[in-house]
Amino acid sequence: MNLFFISWQYIKSRPLSNALHILILALGIAVIVFLLLASHQVEDKLMRNAKGIDLVVGSKGSPMQLILSAIFHIDYPTGNIGLEDARALVRHPLVKHSIPMALGDSYKGFRIVGTDLRYPQHYQAQLAEGNWWKEDMEAVIGSKVAQTSGLKIGDRFAGAHGMGESVGDEHAEHLYIVTGIMKPTGTVLDNLVLTNIGSVWAVHEQHSEADSSTAATLLTNRPDTLNGLPPGKAGRELTAMLIQFRNPMAAIQLPRYVNAQSRLQAASPAVEVARLFRILGVGVSIAQGFSYLIITVAGLSIFIALYNALKERRYDLAVMRALGASQQTLFALVILEGLLIAGAGSLLGIFLGHLMAESVHFLADEAEQAAFTGLMFLAKEWLIVATALLIGFLTALIPAIGAYKTDISSVLAKGE
């Protein structure tokens, strides 16, 4: 006796009812899968981009905004800091490494970052083609920038104020030239245009060639370079500094030293990312609670359907018993029906959850830039399938016990 075939035929005999149960269960699972994929990818991106950065120093304002703008490049900067303040910070004995950043412009929504080669080296970036910048107005672009904009080695482009999609005409007299394209890194670098700090200064103010060319070396950590350098030109500013501590004591003393200065602010990526997770966690928890409610309703509907179906099939089950089927066979038959419905709902739900994630990737520009995808599978999804099958087993348990206790003689005597 093929129990799988018989159970499937029973399910097919009520197509609309069972399809509705499967769909309700699938919707609840789809929401959970989508949230699982989203939270995993967001957390992975945040941790990967913040790795190795102990402190971000910028102007006074919101610490969260400073972190989002300087590390993740998804917000506007809090302001600028003076070059001399930055140089004093670099000299601090508790600073092991520092990476300067000058922000303000973008190209087709991709941020232009003035920095030095330590920034791509921090993320172990490699070039797919071309060379790293050497002179002012030379730029290296991320893999996503190249893919979306169509820029190639040797192409020229102009930046625009802010982070909008427009190319803009305000910097048309200052054209960058693409000298290199980075390989995909899976980090924020994929969505950035990198150049030296002198280029950013040259775009926004009229500097002499000599003044501009020495800009990128003013902030190096090497003592032999710091000693004897001329002071920066009045009004020269940076947006932020990415700091790595020299020792654990710096985690306590350095933020206090920075925040004591009226113009500077220190923000810890670890603290702010944890706070961001807490903020996002509230919305995720609410959505998960709603999905659990949907799954509970689906489980109850499957139970009611199987229980009512048992009443309709009591005569069929009695005939099967009369033909030699054991009580255990009838029990397994109903259990298998519940497992098939739950299994179909879980597989459909996982498919819909991945489809939702991939749809967000194509429909939202921010998700596309963050490489948000539904084409990845997590080990936890097997746990979701196992949980759905457990729900199917539990909802079928009482009807299965009823089938197990079917009284052959009384049912056949009634003839229904």
Protein backbone atom coordinates (compact mmCIF):
# COMPACT_ATOMS: atom_id res chain seq x y z
CA MET A 1 0.00 0.00 0.00
CA ASN A 2 1.51 3.31 -1.12
CA LEU A 3 0.66 5.69 1.72
CA PHE A 4 2.28 8.65 -0.03
CA PHE A 5 0.09 8.17 -3.12
CA ILE A 6 -3.10 7.78 -1.07
CA SER A 7 -2.31 10.86 1.07
CA TRP A 8 -1.58 12.92 -2.04
CA GLN A 9 -4.87 11.83 -3.60
CA TYR A 10 -6.74 12.91 -0.47
CA ILE A 11 -5.02 16.32 -0.67
CA LYS A 12 -5.90 16.64 -4.36
CA SER A 13 -9.53 15.83 -3.62
CA ARG A 14 -9.83 19.19 -1.80
CA PRO A 15 -7.64 21.44 -3.99
CA LEU A 16 -8.98 24.87 -3.03
CA SER A 17 -9.08 24.23 0.70
CA ASN A 18 -5.61 22.69 0.89
CA ALA A 19 -4.14 25.30 -1.47
CA LEU A 20 -5.40 27.99 0.91
CA HIS A 21 -3.81 26.25 3.92
CA ILE A 22 -0.52 25.87 2.06
CA LEU A 23 -0.57 29.52 0.97
CA ILE A 24 -1.27 30.86 4.47
CA LEU A 25 1.56 28.80 5.92
CA ALA A 26 3.85 29.84 3.05
CA LEU A 27 3.20 33.55 3.65
CA GLY A 28 4.20 33.30 7.29
CA ILE A 29 7.35 31.36 6.44
CA ALA A 30 8.17 33.76 3.58
CA VAL A 31 8.19 36.72 5.96
CA ILE A 32 10.51 34.87 8.36
CA VAL A 33 12.86 33.84 5.53
CA PHE A 34 12.95 37.39 4.15
CA LEU A 35 13.74 38.85 7.58
CA LEU A 36 16.38 36.18 8.12
CA LEU A 37 18.07 36.98 4.81
CA ALA A 38 17.81 40.73 5.34
CA SER A 39 19.13 40.75 8.91
CA HIS A 40 21.96 38.35 8.04
CA GLN A 41 23.13 40.39 5.06
CA VAL A 42 22.77 43.74 6.81
CA GLU A 43 24.68 42.50 9.86
CA ASP A 44 27.36 40.91 7.70
CA LYS A 45 27.79 44.12 5.68
CA LEU A 46 27.93 46.33 8.77
CA MET A 47 30.46 44.15 10.55
CA ARG A 48 32.62 43.68 7.45
CA ASN A 49 32.77 47.42 6.71
CA ALA A 50 33.46 48.39 10.33
CA LYS A 51 36.08 45.68 10.92
CA GLY A 52 39.42 47.07 12.06
CA ILE A 53 38.09 50.60 12.67
CA ASP A 54 38.14 51.40 16.39
CA LEU A 55 37.11 55.04 16.29
CA VAL A 56 35.76 57.64 13.88
CA VAL A 57 36.63 61.27 14.53
CA GLY A 58 34.63 64.06 12.92
CA SER A 59 32.89 67.29 13.75
CA LYS A 60 30.35 67.66 16.54
CA GLY A 61 26.93 66.20 15.85
CA SER A 62 25.21 62.84 15.89
CA PRO A 63 27.60 59.92 16.54
CA MET A 64 25.33 57.62 14.52
CA GLN A 65 25.35 60.03 11.58
CA LEU A 66 29.13 60.24 11.76
CA ILE A 67 29.45 56.44 11.61
CA LEU A 68 26.92 56.09 8.80
CA SER A 69 28.60 58.76 6.69
CA ALA A 70 32.26 57.93 7.29
CA ILE A 71 32.17 54.12 7.33
CA PHE A 72 29.03 53.05 5.47
CA HIS A 73 28.63 56.14 3.27
CA ILE A 74 24.82 56.15 3.53
CA ASP A 75 24.30 59.50 5.24
CA TYR A 76 25.52 63.07 5.00
CA PRO A 77 28.57 64.12 7.09
CA THR A 78 28.13 66.02 10.32
CA GLY A 79 30.54 68.70 9.08
CA ASN A 80 34.27 69.17 8.65
CA ILE A 81 37.29 69.24 10.94
CA GLY A 82 40.36 71.42 10.60
CA LEU A 83 43.52 69.99 9.09
CA GLU A 84 45.63 71.03 12.08
CA ASP A 85 43.23 69.25 14.45
CA ALA A 86 43.57 66.13 12.33
CA ARG A 87 47.38 66.37 12.32
CA ALA A 88 47.40 66.74 16.11
CA LEU A 89 45.27 63.60 16.40
CA VAL A 90 47.62 61.64 14.13
CA ARG A 91 50.53 62.52 16.42
CA HIS A 92 48.73 61.19 19.50
CA PRO A 93 50.69 58.27 21.02
CA LEU A 94 47.53 56.13 21.36
CA VAL A 95 46.83 56.26 17.60
CA LYS A 96 48.32 53.34 15.71
CA HIS A 97 46.89 53.98 12.26
CA SER A 98 44.66 56.68 10.80
CA ILE A 99 42.92 57.10 7.47
CA PRO A 100 41.85 60.63 6.42
CA MET A 101 38.65 61.21 4.49
CA ALA A 102 37.34 64.21 2.55
CA LEU A 103 33.72 63.90 1.41
CA GLY A 104 31.11 66.09 -0.19
CA ASP A 105 30.58 65.08 -3.83
CA SER A 106 29.25 62.11 -5.72
CA TYR A 107 28.91 60.75 -9.24
CA LYS A 108 25.50 59.33 -10.22
CA GLY A 109 24.73 58.60 -6.57
CA PHE A 110 28.12 57.01 -5.85
CA ARG A 111 30.14 58.92 -3.28
CA ILE A 112 33.52 60.41 -4.20
CA VAL A 113 35.95 59.85 -1.33
CA GLY A 114 39.19 61.75 -0.97
CA THR A 115 41.62 59.59 0.99
CA ASP A 116 44.96 57.81 0.64
CA LEU A 117 45.96 54.29 -0.37
CA ARG A 118 45.65 53.02 3.18
CA TYR A 119 41.87 53.09 2.75
CA PRO A 120 41.62 50.43 -0.01
CA GLN A 121 44.49 48.54 1.66
CA HIS A 122 42.42 48.36 4.84
CA TYR A 123 39.81 46.32 2.95
CA GLN A 124 42.48 44.37 1.03
CA ALA A 125 41.18 45.75 -2.25
CA GLN A 126 42.84 44.75 -5.50
CA LEU A 127 42.61 46.23 -8.97
CA ALA A 128 40.80 44.39 -11.74
CA GLU A 129 42.50 46.68 -14.26
CA GLY A 130 44.46 49.91 -14.40
CA ASN A 131 46.51 51.55 -11.66
CA TRP A 132 45.96 53.32 -8.36
CA TRP A 133 45.79 57.10 -8.45
CA LYS A 134 49.09 58.98 -8.34
CA GLU A 135 48.21 62.56 -9.25
CA ASP A 136 45.38 64.96 -8.53
CA MET A 137 42.10 64.33 -10.38
CA GLU A 138 42.91 60.65 -10.91
CA ALA A 139 40.28 58.25 -9.57
CA VAL A 140 39.83 54.54 -8.93
CA ILE A 141 36.25 53.28 -9.01
CA GLY A 142 34.55 50.34 -7.31
CA SER A 143 33.22 47.34 -9.21
CA LYS A 144 29.57 48.38 -8.75
CA VAL A 145 30.34 51.92 -9.90
CA ALA A 146 31.94 50.59 -13.07
CA GLN A 147 29.06 48.19 -13.69
CA THR A 148 26.31 50.76 -13.16
CA SER A 149 27.89 53.88 -14.67
CA GLY A 150 29.73 52.24 -17.55
CA LEU A 151 32.92 54.13 -16.77
CA LYS A 152 36.11 52.61 -18.19
CA ILE A 153 39.84 53.27 -17.87
CA GLY A 154 40.61 56.68 -19.35
CA ASP A 155 37.05 58.03 -19.11
CA ARG A 156 36.54 61.46 -17.61
CA PHE A 157 33.66 62.56 -15.38
CA ALA A 158 32.62 65.42 -13.13
CA GLY A 159 31.31 65.14 -9.60
CA ALA A 160 28.16 66.75 -8.22
CA HIS A 161 27.36 68.17 -4.79
CA GLY A 162 25.68 65.82 -2.32
CA MET A 163 24.67 62.24 -3.01
CA GLY A 164 21.99 62.66 -5.67
CA GLU A 165 21.66 60.83 -8.97
CA SER A 166 22.37 63.88 -11.13
CA VAL A 167 25.80 64.33 -12.65
CA GLY A 168 25.70 68.10 -12.19
CA ASP A 169 27.46 71.00 -13.88
CA GLU A 170 28.92 72.70 -10.80
CA HIS A 171 32.29 70.92 -11.18
CA ALA A 172 32.37 70.61 -14.96
CA GLU A 173 35.68 72.48 -15.07
CA HIS A 174 37.26 69.82 -12.80
CA LEU A 175 37.12 66.44 -14.51
CA TYR A 176 38.33 63.24 -12.89
CA ILE A 177 40.00 60.59 -15.02
CA VAL A 178 39.52 56.89 -14.27
CA THR A 179 42.90 55.20 -13.78
CA GLY A 180 41.75 51.96 -12.15
CA ILE A 181 38.79 49.69 -11.43
CA MET A 182 38.74 47.61 -8.26
CA LYS A 183 37.77 43.96 -8.05
CA PRO A 184 34.57 43.23 -6.09
CA THR A 185 35.34 43.27 -2.37
CA GLY A 186 31.93 42.74 -0.83
CA THR A 187 32.46 45.96 1.12
CA VAL A 188 31.47 49.59 0.77
CA LEU A 189 34.41 50.10 -1.61
CA ASP A 190 32.36 48.52 -4.41
CA ASN A 191 30.13 51.61 -4.40
CA LEU A 192 32.79 54.32 -4.05
CA VAL A 193 34.93 56.53 -6.25
CA LEU A 194 38.34 56.92 -4.61
CA THR A 195 40.79 59.73 -5.23
CA ASN A 196 43.37 61.65 -3.26
CA ILE A 197 42.48 64.41 -0.82
CA GLY A 198 44.18 67.01 -2.99
CA SER A 199 41.65 66.32 -5.74
CA VAL A 200 38.72 67.04 -3.44
CA TRP A 201 40.36 70.24 -2.28
CA ALA A 202 41.19 71.25 -5.85
CA VAL A 203 37.57 70.83 -6.90
CA HIS A 204 36.22 73.03 -4.12
CA GLU A 205 38.86 75.71 -3.88
CA GLN A 206 41.60 77.21 -6.01
CA HIS A 207 44.91 75.68 -4.87
CA SER A 208 48.26 75.91 -6.44
CA GLU A 209 49.61 72.75 -8.02
CA ALA A 210 52.29 72.40 -5.37
CA ASP A 211 49.83 72.96 -2.56
CA SER A 212 47.45 70.35 -3.90
CA SER A 213 50.02 67.67 -4.62
CA THR A 214 51.31 67.63 -1.03
CA ALA A 215 47.82 67.38 0.48
CA ALA A 216 47.69 63.61 0.69
CA THR A 217 50.97 63.37 2.60
CA LEU A 218 50.06 65.83 5.31
CA LEU A 219 48.27 63.19 7.36
CA THR A 220 50.58 60.20 7.24
CA ASN A 221 51.39 58.52 10.55
CA ARG A 222 55.10 58.20 9.80
CA PRO A 223 57.12 60.42 12.18
CA ASP A 224 59.80 61.11 9.59
CA THR A 225 57.17 62.57 7.27
CA LEU A 226 55.35 64.52 9.94
CA ASN A 227 58.48 66.26 11.17
CA GLY A 228 59.24 69.43 9.27
CA LEU A 229 56.10 69.52 7.14
CA PRO A 230 54.68 72.99 6.53
CA PRO A 231 51.34 73.73 8.18
CA GLY A 232 48.23 73.30 6.10
CA LYS A 233 46.72 76.24 4.30
CA ALA A 234 44.18 78.23 6.30
CA GLY A 235 40.71 76.86 5.85
CA ARG A 236 41.84 73.40 4.78
CA GLU A 237 39.47 70.79 6.20
CA LEU A 238 38.76 67.07 6.28
CA THR A 239 35.49 65.30 6.89
CA ALA A 240 36.56 62.46 9.18
CA MET A 241 39.42 60.31 10.39
CA LEU A 242 39.23 56.51 10.75
CA ILE A 243 41.35 55.51 13.73
CA GLN A 244 42.88 52.24 14.90
CA PHE A 245 44.01 52.07 18.53
CA ARG A 246 47.59 51.34 19.52
CA ASN A 247 46.59 49.46 22.69
CA PRO A 248 43.44 48.65 24.73
CA MET A 249 43.97 51.67 26.97
CA ALA A 250 43.22 53.89 23.98
CA ALA A 251 39.58 52.76 24.00
CA ILE A 252 39.14 54.65 27.26
CA GLN A 253 41.49 57.59 26.93
CA LEU A 254 41.37 58.57 23.26
CA PRO A 255 37.57 59.20 22.95
CA ARG A 256 37.75 61.29 26.10
CA TYR A 257 40.66 63.28 24.67
CA VAL A 258 38.84 63.90 21.38
CA ASN A 259 35.47 64.81 22.88
CA ALA A 260 37.13 67.28 25.25
CA GLN A 261 37.98 69.42 22.23
CA SER A 262 35.24 71.81 21.21
CA ARG A 263 35.47 71.11 17.47
CA LEU A 264 35.85 67.30 17.43
CA GLN A 265 33.70 64.30 18.17
CA ALA A 266 34.66 60.65 18.61
CA ALA A 267 32.23 57.88 17.73
CA SER A 268 32.79 54.17 18.34
CA PRO A 269 31.63 51.95 15.43
CA ALA A 270 31.07 49.01 17.80
CA VAL A 271 28.77 51.05 20.06
CA GLU A 272 26.85 52.72 17.25
CA VAL A 273 26.43 49.52 15.22
CA ALA A 274 25.09 47.76 18.32
CA ARG A 275 22.66 50.64 18.84
CA LEU A 276 21.61 50.44 15.21
CA PHE A 277 20.93 46.71 15.61
CA ARG A 278 18.75 47.46 18.62
CA ILE A 279 16.77 50.03 16.66
CA LEU A 280 16.33 47.73 13.69
CA GLY A 281 15.58 44.80 16.01
CA VAL A 282 12.33 46.38 17.18
CA GLY A 283 10.89 46.42 13.68
CA VAL A 284 12.22 42.95 12.93
CA SER A 285 10.67 41.57 16.12
CA ILE A 286 7.29 43.07 15.27
CA ALA A 287 7.38 41.59 11.76
CA GLN A 288 8.49 38.22 13.13
CA GLY A 289 5.67 38.26 15.68
CA PHE A 290 3.19 38.93 12.88
CA SER A 291 4.62 36.06 10.83
CA TYR A 292 4.40 33.68 13.80
CA LEU A 293 0.74 34.66 14.15
CA ILE A 294 0.17 33.82 10.49
CA ILE A 295 1.87 30.43 10.95
CA THR A 296 -0.26 29.73 14.03
CA VAL A 297 -3.43 30.51 12.07
CA ALA A 298 -2.19 28.25 9.27
CA GLY A 299 -1.56 25.44 11.76
CA LEU A 300 -5.07 25.78 13.20
CA SER A 301 -6.61 25.81 9.73
CA ILE A 302 -4.70 22.63 8.78
CA PHE A 303 -5.88 20.98 12.00
CA ILE A 304 -9.52 21.90 11.35
CA ALA A 305 -9.26 20.72 7.75
CA LEU A 306 -7.80 17.35 8.73
CA TYR A 307 -10.28 16.91 11.56
CA ASN A 308 -13.25 17.62 9.30
CA ALA A 309 -11.75 15.43 6.58
CA LEU A 310 -11.50 12.59 9.09
CA LYS A 311 -15.26 12.73 9.66
CA GLU A 312 -15.88 12.62 5.91
CA ARG A 313 -13.47 9.70 5.40
CA ARG A 314 -14.43 7.48 8.32
CA TYR A 315 -16.15 5.04 5.97
CA ASP A 316 -13.11 4.94 3.64
CA LEU A 317 -10.83 4.29 6.58
CA ALA A 318 -13.12 1.54 7.88
CA VAL A 319 -13.06 -0.14 4.46
CA MET A 320 -9.27 0.04 4.44
CA ARG A 321 -9.22 -1.59 7.89
CA ALA A 322 -11.55 -4.29 6.60
CA LEU A 323 -9.21 -4.90 3.68
CA GLY A 324 -6.30 -5.51 6.00
CA ALA A 325 -4.84 -2.10 6.81
CA SER A 326 -3.59 -1.88 10.38
CA GLN A 327 -4.37 0.87 12.88
CA GLN A 328 -0.78 2.08 12.55
CA THR A 329 -1.26 2.40 8.77
CA LEU A 330 -4.30 4.65 9.19
CA PHE A 331 -2.42 6.71 11.81
CA ALA A 332 0.56 7.12 9.45
CA LEU A 333 -1.76 7.99 6.55
CA VAL A 334 -3.24 11.03 8.30
CA ILE A 335 0.15 12.08 9.73
CA LEU A 336 1.66 11.92 6.26
CA GLU A 337 -1.13 14.12 4.90
CA GLY A 338 -0.35 16.78 7.49
CA LEU A 339 3.38 16.52 6.74
CA LEU A 340 2.78 16.88 2.99
CA ILE A 341 0.70 20.04 3.45
CA ALA A 342 3.26 21.53 5.86
CA GLY A 343 6.17 20.50 3.64
CA ALA A 344 4.58 22.09 0.58
CA GLY A 345 3.88 25.26 2.57
CA SER A 346 7.46 25.47 3.86
CA LEU A 347 9.03 24.98 0.43
CA LEU A 348 6.69 27.54 -1.14
CA GLY A 349 7.39 29.93 1.74
CA ILE A 350 11.15 29.63 1.33
CA PHE A 351 10.81 30.25 -2.39
CA LEU A 352 8.61 33.32 -1.80
CA GLY A 353 11.00 34.64 0.86
CA HIS A 354 13.96 34.46 -1.51
CA LEU A 355 11.83 35.96 -4.29
CA MET A 356 10.93 38.89 -2.02
CA ALA A 357 14.60 39.46 -1.17
CA GLU A 358 15.64 39.36 -4.80
CA SER A 359 12.78 41.71 -5.73
CA VAL A 360 14.00 44.25 -3.17
CA HIS A 361 17.47 43.96 -4.75
CA PHE A 362 16.07 45.05 -8.12
CA LEU A 363 13.45 47.56 -6.93
CA ALA A 364 15.47 49.52 -4.32
CA ASP A 365 18.60 51.36 -5.41
CA GLU A 366 20.05 51.25 -1.90
CA ALA A 367 19.62 47.47 -1.72
CA GLU A 368 21.19 47.08 -5.14
CA GLN A 369 24.21 49.16 -4.12
CA ALA A 370 24.53 47.09 -0.95
CA ALA A 371 24.49 43.89 -3.07
CA PHE A 372 21.37 42.70 -1.22
CA THR A 373 20.35 39.41 -2.79
CA GLY A 374 17.92 36.54 -2.46
CA LEU A 375 20.29 34.14 -4.20
CA MET A 376 21.84 32.87 -0.99
CA PHE A 377 20.74 30.13 1.36
CA LEU A 378 21.31 29.99 5.10
CA ALA A 379 21.63 26.92 7.30
CA LYS A 380 18.79 28.24 9.48
CA GLU A 381 16.36 27.68 6.62
CA TRP A 382 16.57 23.93 7.25
CA LEU A 383 15.40 24.68 10.78
CA ILE A 384 12.41 26.52 9.31
CA VAL A 385 11.54 23.44 7.21
CA ALA A 386 11.89 21.19 10.27
CA THR A 387 9.67 23.51 12.32
CA ALA A 388 7.02 23.54 9.59
CA LEU A 389 7.04 19.73 9.45
CA LEU A 390 6.70 19.62 13.23
CA ILE A 391 3.67 21.91 12.93
CA GLY A 392 2.25 19.56 10.29
CA PHE A 393 2.81 16.58 12.57
CA LEU A 394 1.20 18.24 15.60
CA THR A 395 -1.83 19.48 13.66
CA ALA A 396 -2.37 15.99 12.23
CA LEU A 397 -1.81 14.19 15.53
CA ILE A 398 -5.36 14.39 16.94
CA PRO A 399 -7.04 13.49 13.60
CA ALA A 400 -4.52 10.63 13.25
CA ILE A 401 -5.42 9.32 16.70
CA GLY A 402 -9.08 9.47 15.62
CA ALA A 403 -8.23 7.43 12.52
CA TYR A 404 -6.29 4.98 14.69
CA LYS A 405 -9.37 4.42 16.90
CA THR A 406 -11.80 3.97 14.00
CA ASP A 407 -14.46 1.40 14.94
CA ILE A 408 -14.83 -0.76 11.83
CA SER A 409 -18.09 -2.48 12.70
CA SER A 410 -20.07 0.62 13.72
CA VAL A 411 -18.91 2.68 10.75
CA LEU A 412 -19.62 -0.10 8.21
CA ALA A 413 -22.97 -0.74 9.84
CA LYS A 414 -24.01 2.88 9.32
CA GLY A 415 -22.71 2.76 5.74
CA GLU A 416 -21.28 6.30 5.89
